[in-house]
Amino acid sequence: MYRTDIGMRKSPGGKPSIGILHKIQDFFFNIFSGKRKTIRNLRNSIPENLAEFFGCGDQLIRRMANSPGSHYRKFFLWKDREHTRKRWIEAPDPELKAIQKRILALLYQMAPSPQAHGFATGRGIVSNARVHTGKRYIVKLDLKDFFPSITRSMILKQWNDSGLITPENRIRMETLLNLCLLENRLPQGAPTSPAISNLVCRRLDFILAKFARHHKMKYTRYADDLTFSSDSDSCYRLIPVIRRIVEQYGFRINERKVNVLKRHQRQTVTGLVVNQAKQTSVPRRKRLKLRAFVHQIITGKIPLNEFNYAKLKGHVSLIRMANPKQGEYFRRQLEIIEKMRKNA
């Protein structure tokens, strides 16, 4: 029988013994949860006078903190080309957004876990995908309603456990938190939501990383996307245990997005192909489409003023980061287009 725990005894019924998981979680988190010096520096950087820090009056801060709902605009974006699925966005108004960006600068002083690649300095979709290259099995899971699932109580617990909140700064910290919440949870659209979510997920990341290592798997998280990879088929047989661990931390797996990719299939992680060992690449279809688009520009079939140059440059940059060898062709073509723009 394959093992489904992280080095623990099984219950009499043969199911994973999750009951004593908390002790191992706490032990592991206490060792790796963050540098005390970083926490102390962040604590010391919390401004004594919030109005002065934000450059606005006390009354405005209190109004925003007490009734944040009046400072958001809600709209949706289509998730797919067929316009069948909506993603609701809750965007703060310019005043609140400016304040949240100041708060974000404070939050960035506390780094996310090593397994978090989304909204983390120096990491991204490429670094996330590279962890899982050349594996027989890729398991991709999605946390359902990720930002709205992160509540005020979850954030306060994390901040208290990490020692970020003290009796002296509690009121100020709660005011800062209120400025980042909507209906007592993270809004989908505030600039502070990704950074706060990474901090809340630190403990979850550490225990899933421990679990993955015990079962000879790799684990990363990009926002709400969890990825596990392994050369053993136990990788996907352990999904029920992963689900139970995730639920312990207040999240749910989106069952419709559970995906297991085997080596004979095209394996993608955060949009990049990872079938070959130590190599990532943008899917071939996208590269061919971009190649045809670039050719039309150079041959004059698409005028220089009829395409978004910054967007084109971004696509080329992604290909070069994912696979420098494949990106070399596009780098040369982009140089030609740049010369054409200068001479136009």
Protein backbone atom coordinates (compact mmCIF):
# COMPACT_ATOMS: atom_id res chain seq x y z
CA MET A 1 0.00 0.00 0.00
CA TYR A 2 1.37 3.39 -0.97
CA ARG A 3 1.87 5.96 1.77
CA THR A 4 -0.43 8.93 1.95
CA ASP A 5 0.98 10.74 4.96
CA ILE A 6 4.05 12.87 5.53
CA GLY A 7 5.84 10.42 7.76
CA MET A 8 2.98 9.84 10.20
CA ARG A 9 1.14 6.74 11.37
CA LYS A 10 -2.08 5.79 9.66
CA SER A 11 -5.36 5.66 11.45
CA PRO A 12 -6.88 2.20 12.16
CA GLY A 13 -9.12 2.54 9.12
CA GLY A 14 -6.12 2.92 6.82
CA LYS A 15 -6.78 6.59 6.10
CA PRO A 16 -4.04 9.20 6.43
CA SER A 17 -3.59 10.27 10.04
CA ILE A 18 -4.26 13.99 9.73
CA GLY A 19 -5.00 14.36 13.45
CA ILE A 20 -1.37 14.94 14.45
CA LEU A 21 -0.58 16.93 11.33
CA HIS A 22 -0.90 20.18 13.27
CA LYS A 23 2.14 19.40 15.43
CA ILE A 24 4.32 18.77 12.42
CA GLN A 25 2.92 21.83 10.68
CA ASP A 26 3.70 24.06 13.66
CA PHE A 27 7.19 22.59 14.07
CA PHE A 28 7.95 23.06 10.38
CA PHE A 29 6.45 26.54 10.29
CA ASN A 30 8.38 27.69 13.35
CA ILE A 31 11.63 26.75 11.64
CA PHE A 32 10.94 28.16 8.21
CA SER A 33 8.13 30.72 8.58
CA GLY A 34 10.34 33.76 8.14
CA LYS A 35 13.32 35.62 9.50
CA ARG A 36 12.65 37.32 12.80
CA LYS A 37 14.86 40.20 11.72
CA THR A 38 12.59 40.81 8.71
CA ILE A 39 9.50 40.79 10.92
CA ARG A 40 11.15 43.20 13.34
CA ASN A 41 12.17 45.56 10.52
CA LEU A 42 8.66 45.49 9.09
CA ARG A 43 7.17 46.13 12.52
CA ASN A 44 9.49 49.10 12.99
CA SER A 45 8.55 50.51 9.59
CA ILE A 46 4.84 50.76 10.46
CA PRO A 47 4.27 54.55 10.59
CA GLU A 48 3.24 56.12 13.87
CA ASN A 49 1.12 58.70 12.05
CA LEU A 50 -0.87 57.11 9.22
CA ALA A 51 -2.26 60.41 7.97
CA GLU A 52 1.23 61.79 7.58
CA PHE A 53 2.45 58.59 5.93
CA PHE A 54 -0.36 58.62 3.37
CA GLY A 55 -0.30 62.37 2.89
CA CYS A 56 -3.99 62.86 3.65
CA GLY A 57 -6.25 63.73 6.56
CA ASP A 58 -7.25 61.48 9.46
CA GLN A 59 -10.89 61.88 8.52
CA LEU A 60 -10.36 60.50 5.01
CA ILE A 61 -8.44 57.48 6.34
CA ARG A 62 -11.16 56.70 8.88
CA ARG A 63 -13.86 57.02 6.23
CA MET A 64 -12.04 54.68 3.85
CA ALA A 65 -11.25 52.16 6.60
CA ASN A 66 -14.81 52.17 7.98
CA SER A 67 -16.67 52.05 4.66
CA PRO A 68 -14.34 50.73 1.95
CA GLY A 69 -17.27 49.53 -0.19
CA SER A 70 -18.00 53.07 -1.37
CA HIS A 71 -14.49 53.29 -2.84
CA TYR A 72 -14.74 50.30 -5.19
CA ARG A 73 -16.09 49.87 -8.68
CA LYS A 74 -17.21 46.36 -9.65
CA PHE A 75 -17.13 45.09 -13.23
CA PHE A 76 -16.35 41.87 -15.06
CA LEU A 77 -13.95 40.63 -17.72
CA TRP A 78 -14.60 37.64 -19.93
CA LYS A 79 -12.40 34.65 -19.06
CA ASP A 80 -12.78 33.04 -22.48
CA ARG A 81 -13.21 34.02 -26.11
CA GLU A 82 -16.68 32.46 -26.20
CA HIS A 83 -17.87 34.88 -23.47
CA THR A 84 -19.26 32.12 -21.28
CA ARG A 85 -17.30 32.73 -18.06
CA LYS A 86 -16.91 35.99 -16.17
CA ARG A 87 -14.18 37.19 -13.83
CA TRP A 88 -15.46 39.89 -11.50
CA ILE A 89 -13.05 42.71 -10.72
CA GLU A 90 -13.37 44.99 -7.69
CA ALA A 91 -11.24 48.01 -8.50
CA PRO A 92 -10.48 50.67 -5.86
CA ASP A 93 -10.92 54.31 -6.77
CA PRO A 94 -7.75 56.42 -7.36
CA GLU A 95 -7.62 57.72 -3.76
CA LEU A 96 -7.81 54.30 -2.14
CA LYS A 97 -5.54 52.74 -4.76
CA ALA A 98 -2.81 55.30 -4.00
CA ILE A 99 -3.02 54.44 -0.29
CA GLN A 100 -2.94 50.70 -1.03
CA LYS A 101 0.22 51.13 -3.09
CA ARG A 102 1.91 52.74 -0.07
CA ILE A 103 0.80 49.78 2.06
CA LEU A 104 2.10 47.42 -0.62
CA ALA A 105 5.59 48.88 -0.26
CA LEU A 106 5.47 47.89 3.43
CA LEU A 107 4.19 44.39 2.71
CA TYR A 108 6.96 43.69 0.20
CA GLN A 109 9.46 43.81 3.06
CA MET A 110 8.16 40.38 4.12
CA ALA A 111 9.05 37.87 1.43
CA PRO A 112 6.63 35.10 0.43
CA SER A 113 7.56 31.44 0.75
CA PRO A 114 10.17 29.98 -1.65
CA GLN A 115 7.38 27.99 -3.30
CA ALA A 116 5.37 31.12 -4.25
CA HIS A 117 6.19 32.35 -7.76
CA GLY A 118 3.26 34.69 -8.40
CA PHE A 119 3.60 38.36 -7.41
CA ALA A 120 7.06 37.67 -5.97
CA THR A 121 10.14 39.74 -6.83
CA GLY A 122 12.49 37.89 -9.16
CA ARG A 123 10.01 35.08 -9.85
CA GLY A 124 7.24 34.52 -12.35
CA ILE A 125 5.64 32.04 -14.71
CA VAL A 126 9.03 30.93 -16.09
CA SER A 127 10.63 30.20 -12.70
CA ASN A 128 7.43 28.43 -11.67
CA ALA A 129 7.43 26.19 -14.74
CA ARG A 130 11.15 25.35 -14.60
CA VAL A 131 10.70 23.50 -11.31
CA HIS A 132 8.55 20.89 -13.06
CA THR A 133 10.44 20.17 -16.29
CA GLY A 134 11.03 16.62 -17.49
CA LYS A 135 8.69 14.85 -15.06
CA ARG A 136 6.48 11.85 -15.84
CA TYR A 137 3.47 13.33 -14.11
CA ILE A 138 2.22 16.89 -13.60
CA VAL A 139 -0.72 17.53 -11.27
CA LYS A 140 -2.36 20.96 -11.49
CA LEU A 141 -4.88 22.13 -8.90
CA ASP A 142 -6.73 25.41 -8.57
CA LEU A 143 -7.87 27.10 -5.35
CA LYS A 144 -11.51 28.10 -5.78
CA ASP A 145 -12.43 31.78 -5.26
CA PHE A 146 -8.90 32.46 -4.09
CA PHE A 147 -8.92 36.14 -3.06
CA PRO A 148 -12.50 36.19 -1.65
CA SER A 149 -11.64 33.07 0.38
CA ILE A 150 -8.98 34.98 2.32
CA THR A 151 -10.81 36.60 5.19
CA ARG A 152 -9.97 39.19 7.80
CA SER A 153 -9.64 36.51 10.49
CA MET A 154 -7.19 34.47 8.37
CA ILE A 155 -4.99 37.52 7.79
CA LEU A 156 -5.04 38.61 11.43
CA LYS A 157 -4.14 35.10 12.53
CA GLN A 158 -1.14 35.04 10.21
CA TRP A 159 0.00 38.49 11.31
CA ASN A 160 -0.41 37.57 14.99
CA ASP A 161 1.36 34.22 14.61
CA SER A 162 4.29 35.85 12.82
CA GLY A 163 4.66 38.48 15.53
CA LEU A 164 3.83 41.33 13.17
CA ILE A 165 1.05 42.66 15.43
CA THR A 166 1.91 43.90 18.90
CA PRO A 167 -0.22 45.61 21.58
CA GLU A 168 1.43 48.89 20.60
CA ASN A 169 0.67 48.74 16.87
CA ARG A 170 -2.55 46.70 16.84
CA ILE A 171 -4.88 49.64 16.09
CA ARG A 172 -2.65 50.90 13.29
CA MET A 173 -2.26 47.41 11.81
CA GLU A 174 -6.01 46.83 11.85
CA THR A 175 -6.53 50.19 10.17
CA LEU A 176 -4.02 49.25 7.45
CA LEU A 177 -5.80 45.93 7.00
CA ASN A 178 -9.23 47.56 6.76
CA LEU A 179 -7.88 49.70 3.92
CA CYS A 180 -7.06 46.51 2.01
CA LEU A 181 -10.34 44.64 2.55
CA LEU A 182 -13.81 44.65 1.06
CA GLU A 183 -16.62 43.01 3.03
CA ASN A 184 -14.00 41.55 5.40
CA ARG A 185 -12.12 39.64 2.69
CA LEU A 186 -9.58 40.35 -0.04
CA PRO A 187 -11.00 42.09 -3.11
CA GLN A 188 -10.20 40.83 -6.59
CA GLY A 189 -8.54 43.94 -8.02
CA ALA A 190 -6.79 45.74 -5.15
CA PRO A 191 -2.99 46.03 -5.62
CA THR A 192 -2.43 44.75 -2.08
CA SER A 193 -4.43 41.52 -2.45
CA PRO A 194 -1.68 39.42 -4.14
CA ALA A 195 0.98 40.32 -1.56
CA ILE A 196 -1.36 39.66 1.37
CA SER A 197 -2.44 36.35 -0.15
CA ASN A 198 1.19 35.25 -0.41
CA LEU A 199 1.73 36.01 3.27
CA VAL A 200 -1.43 34.16 4.31
CA CYS A 201 -0.37 31.13 2.22
CA ARG A 202 3.12 30.87 3.72
CA ARG A 203 2.17 28.14 6.18
CA LEU A 204 0.19 26.23 3.53
CA ASP A 205 3.15 26.44 1.14
CA PHE A 206 5.61 25.15 3.72
CA ILE A 207 3.51 22.14 4.73
CA LEU A 208 2.71 21.24 1.10
CA ALA A 209 6.43 21.52 0.28
CA LYS A 210 7.24 19.20 3.19
CA PHE A 211 4.54 16.80 2.03
CA ALA A 212 5.85 16.92 -1.55
CA ARG A 213 9.45 16.25 -0.54
CA HIS A 214 8.42 13.27 1.56
CA HIS A 215 6.73 11.77 -1.50
CA LYS A 216 9.55 12.74 -3.90
CA MET A 217 7.48 15.41 -5.60
CA LYS A 218 8.10 19.04 -6.53
CA TYR A 219 5.62 21.71 -5.46
CA THR A 220 5.09 25.35 -6.43
CA ARG A 221 2.24 27.84 -6.23
CA TYR A 222 1.48 30.67 -8.63
CA ALA A 223 -1.32 32.70 -6.99
CA ASP A 224 -4.21 30.20 -6.87
CA ASP A 225 -2.53 27.56 -9.08
CA LEU A 226 -0.91 24.66 -7.22
CA THR A 227 1.45 22.43 -9.20
CA PHE A 228 2.95 19.08 -8.18
CA SER A 229 5.26 16.96 -10.33
CA SER A 230 6.88 13.57 -9.94
CA ASP A 231 8.21 10.53 -11.74
CA SER A 232 5.92 8.34 -9.61
CA ASP A 233 2.24 7.73 -10.21
CA SER A 234 1.61 8.38 -6.52
CA CYS A 235 1.70 12.04 -7.56
CA TYR A 236 -1.94 11.99 -8.66
CA ARG A 237 -3.07 9.27 -6.23
CA LEU A 238 -2.24 11.68 -3.39
CA ILE A 239 -4.72 14.32 -4.58
CA PRO A 240 -7.28 13.42 -1.84
CA VAL A 241 -4.65 14.06 0.85
CA ILE A 242 -3.62 17.35 -0.75
CA ARG A 243 -7.29 18.34 -0.80
CA ARG A 244 -7.62 17.68 2.93
CA ILE A 245 -4.50 19.71 3.74
CA VAL A 246 -5.72 22.63 1.63
CA GLU A 247 -9.11 22.58 3.35
CA GLN A 248 -7.42 22.83 6.75
CA TYR A 249 -6.21 26.28 5.77
CA GLY A 250 -9.57 27.61 4.69
CA PHE A 251 -9.32 26.96 0.95
CA ARG A 252 -11.11 24.64 -1.44
CA ILE A 253 -9.93 22.84 -4.55
CA ASN A 254 -11.84 23.69 -7.72
CA GLU A 255 -12.73 20.15 -8.78
CA ARG A 256 -13.41 21.20 -12.36
CA LYS A 257 -9.79 22.30 -12.75
CA VAL A 258 -8.01 19.24 -11.35
CA ASN A 259 -5.69 18.21 -14.17
CA VAL A 260 -3.21 15.34 -14.43
CA LEU A 261 -0.78 15.47 -17.36
CA LYS A 262 1.37 12.49 -18.32
CA ARG A 263 4.62 12.52 -20.24
CA HIS A 264 3.07 11.43 -23.57
CA GLN A 265 0.79 14.51 -23.41
CA ARG A 266 1.79 18.14 -23.79
CA GLN A 267 2.56 19.18 -20.24
CA THR A 268 2.10 22.87 -19.45
CA VAL A 269 2.69 24.79 -16.24
CA THR A 270 1.57 28.44 -16.06
CA GLY A 271 1.19 28.35 -19.83
CA LEU A 272 4.67 27.01 -20.66
CA VAL A 273 5.54 23.58 -22.04
CA VAL A 274 7.70 21.56 -19.60
CA ASN A 275 8.00 18.11 -21.24
CA GLN A 276 11.76 18.33 -21.75
CA ALA A 277 14.14 18.21 -18.80
CA LYS A 278 15.57 21.58 -17.74
CA GLN A 279 13.77 23.35 -20.58
CA THR A 280 10.63 25.43 -20.88
CA SER A 281 9.07 26.91 -23.98
CA VAL A 282 6.08 28.86 -25.18
CA PRO A 283 3.65 26.46 -26.95
CA ARG A 284 4.54 25.89 -30.59
CA ARG A 285 1.21 27.15 -31.88
CA LYS A 286 1.75 30.53 -30.20
CA ARG A 287 5.29 30.78 -31.55
CA LEU A 288 4.13 30.05 -35.09
CA LYS A 289 1.35 32.60 -34.79
CA LEU A 290 3.82 35.25 -33.58
CA ARG A 291 6.29 34.31 -36.33
CA ALA A 292 3.61 34.87 -38.98
CA PHE A 293 2.61 38.17 -37.39
CA VAL A 294 6.21 39.43 -37.33
CA HIS A 295 6.71 38.38 -40.96
CA GLN A 296 3.65 40.37 -42.02
CA ILE A 297 5.02 43.47 -40.29
CA ILE A 298 8.45 43.19 -41.91
CA THR A 299 6.97 42.59 -45.39
CA GLY A 300 4.69 45.61 -45.00
CA LYS A 301 1.40 43.71 -44.94
CA ILE A 302 0.73 45.15 -41.48
CA PRO A 303 1.55 48.90 -41.25
CA LEU A 304 3.84 49.99 -38.41
CA ASN A 305 1.12 52.14 -36.87
CA GLU A 306 -1.49 49.37 -36.76
CA PHE A 307 -0.15 47.13 -34.00
CA ASN A 308 0.79 47.47 -30.37
CA TYR A 309 4.59 47.51 -30.31
CA ALA A 310 4.84 47.23 -26.51
CA LYS A 311 2.63 44.13 -26.58
CA LEU A 312 4.72 42.58 -29.36
CA LYS A 313 7.88 43.27 -27.38
CA GLY A 314 6.31 41.60 -24.35
CA HIS A 315 5.54 38.42 -26.32
CA VAL A 316 9.09 38.27 -27.63
CA SER A 317 10.48 38.86 -24.15
CA LEU A 318 8.47 35.92 -22.78
CA ILE A 319 9.75 33.57 -25.49
CA ARG A 320 13.33 34.65 -24.81
CA MET A 321 12.97 34.13 -21.06
CA ALA A 322 11.30 30.75 -21.46
CA ASN A 323 13.74 29.48 -24.07
CA PRO A 324 16.66 31.72 -25.14
CA LYS A 325 17.46 29.47 -28.12
CA GLN A 326 13.93 29.76 -29.53
CA GLY A 327 13.87 33.46 -28.67
CA GLU A 328 16.96 34.31 -30.70
CA TYR A 329 15.02 34.35 -33.99
CA PHE A 330 12.41 36.71 -32.56
CA ARG A 331 15.10 38.95 -31.06
CA ARG A 332 16.63 39.47 -34.52
CA GLN A 333 13.22 40.09 -36.09
CA LEU A 334 12.38 42.61 -33.39
CA GLU A 335 15.62 44.49 -34.14
CA ILE A 336 14.55 44.76 -37.78
CA ILE A 337 11.15 46.14 -36.76
CA GLU A 338 12.80 48.65 -34.40
CA LYS A 339 14.95 49.95 -37.26
CA MET A 340 11.89 50.21 -39.48
CA ARG A 341 10.13 52.26 -36.77
CA LYS A 342 13.08 54.63 -36.44
CA ASN A 343 13.26 55.20 -40.18
CA ALA A 344 9.52 55.59 -40.66
